[in-house]
């Protein structure tokens, strides 16, 4: 996670090493407001392994955590959480 730009969280992850064989169809990104236990889907990326989450896309100014999983015809992968939080 990169927070160099104001009010933007840049998220980058590595695709699974066997991504072509596993048939990844999308990546699901979820967010969690600091202090909350609820995770909310905020974005689905079909091919990219990098996204930018804009502060305008979150419901309230707060600190957020993010996680990602891959999806294919057989289900979802385990969730990978990005380290740290970002203020949006």
Protein backbone atom coordinates (compact mmCIF):
# COMPACT_ATOMS: atom_id res chain seq x y z
CA UNK A 1 0.00 0.00 0.00
CA UNK A 2 1.31 3.41 -0.95
CA UNK A 3 -0.06 6.66 0.49
CA UNK A 4 2.16 9.22 -1.27
CA UNK A 5 -0.74 11.03 -2.97
CA UNK A 6 -3.08 12.99 -0.70
CA UNK A 7 -6.46 11.34 -0.15
CA UNK A 8 -5.52 8.28 -2.26
CA UNK A 9 -4.52 4.74 -1.30
CA UNK A 10 -2.56 2.95 -4.04
CA UNK A 11 -2.85 -0.82 -3.65
CA UNK A 12 -0.56 -3.24 -5.49
CA UNK A 13 -0.45 -7.02 -5.19
CA UNK A 14 1.13 -9.95 -6.98
CA UNK A 15 -1.09 -12.19 -9.03
CA UNK A 16 -0.96 -15.89 -8.10
CA UNK A 17 2.07 -17.58 -9.69
CA UNK A 18 -0.24 -19.98 -11.53
CA UNK A 19 -2.72 -17.23 -12.43
CA UNK A 20 -3.19 -18.46 -15.97
CA UNK A 21 -3.91 -22.03 -14.89
CA UNK A 22 -6.23 -21.02 -12.04
CA UNK A 23 -8.34 -18.81 -14.33
CA UNK A 24 -8.54 -15.71 -12.11
CA UNK A 25 -11.52 -13.73 -13.38
CA UNK A 26 -11.42 -10.84 -10.90
CA UNK A 27 -9.89 -9.43 -7.74
CA UNK A 28 -12.19 -8.22 -4.96
CA UNK A 29 -10.95 -5.38 -2.74
CA UNK A 30 -12.61 -4.78 0.63
CA UNK A 31 -12.18 -1.96 3.13
CA UNK A 32 -12.63 -1.71 6.88
CA UNK A 33 -12.91 1.52 8.80
CA UNK A 34 -10.52 1.56 11.75
CA UNK A 35 -12.44 0.68 14.92
CA UNK A 36 -15.10 -1.28 13.02
CA UNK A 37 -15.36 -5.05 12.62
CA UNK A 38 -17.27 -4.87 9.32
CA UNK A 39 -15.50 -5.37 5.98
CA UNK A 40 -17.21 -3.79 2.95
CA UNK A 41 -16.59 -4.60 -0.72
CA UNK A 42 -15.36 -1.40 -2.33
CA UNK A 43 -14.01 -2.44 -5.72
CA UNK A 44 -13.71 -5.31 -8.19
CA UNK A 45 -10.76 -5.29 -10.59
CA UNK A 46 -11.06 -7.66 -13.53
CA UNK A 47 -7.49 -7.79 -14.77
CA UNK A 48 -5.35 -5.32 -12.88
CA UNK A 49 -3.16 -6.15 -9.87
CA UNK A 50 -3.04 -2.47 -8.89
CA UNK A 51 -5.79 0.01 -8.02
CA UNK A 52 -6.19 3.44 -6.48
CA UNK A 53 -8.86 4.02 -3.86
CA UNK A 54 -9.89 7.68 -3.81
CA UNK A 55 -11.01 9.44 -0.65
CA UNK A 56 -14.18 10.48 -2.51
CA UNK A 57 -15.17 6.80 -2.78
CA UNK A 58 -15.41 6.14 0.97
CA UNK A 59 -18.49 7.07 3.04
CA UNK A 60 -16.67 9.08 5.71
CA UNK A 61 -13.29 10.60 6.47
CA UNK A 62 -11.48 7.98 8.53
CA UNK A 63 -8.55 5.58 8.64
CA UNK A 64 -9.09 2.45 6.53
CA UNK A 65 -7.55 -0.99 6.13
CA UNK A 66 -7.79 -2.97 2.88
CA UNK A 67 -7.66 -6.60 1.79
CA UNK A 68 -7.88 -8.44 -1.53
CA UNK A 69 -8.78 -11.90 -2.82
CA UNK A 70 -8.89 -13.48 -6.25
CA UNK A 71 -12.03 -15.02 -7.74
CA UNK A 72 -12.43 -17.70 -10.38
CA UNK A 73 -15.10 -20.19 -11.48
CA UNK A 74 -14.39 -22.37 -8.44
CA UNK A 75 -14.70 -19.71 -5.73
CA UNK A 76 -12.51 -17.23 -3.86
CA UNK A 77 -8.95 -17.38 -2.61
CA UNK A 78 -7.94 -16.62 0.94
CA UNK A 79 -7.93 -12.92 1.77
CA UNK A 80 -4.61 -11.06 1.82
CA UNK A 81 -4.59 -7.98 4.01
CA UNK A 82 -2.51 -4.93 3.11
CA UNK A 83 -0.28 -3.82 6.01
CA UNK A 84 -1.12 -0.59 7.79
CA UNK A 85 -3.94 1.92 7.47
CA UNK A 86 -4.51 5.03 5.38
CA UNK A 87 -6.44 8.20 6.16
CA UNK A 88 -8.99 8.98 3.46
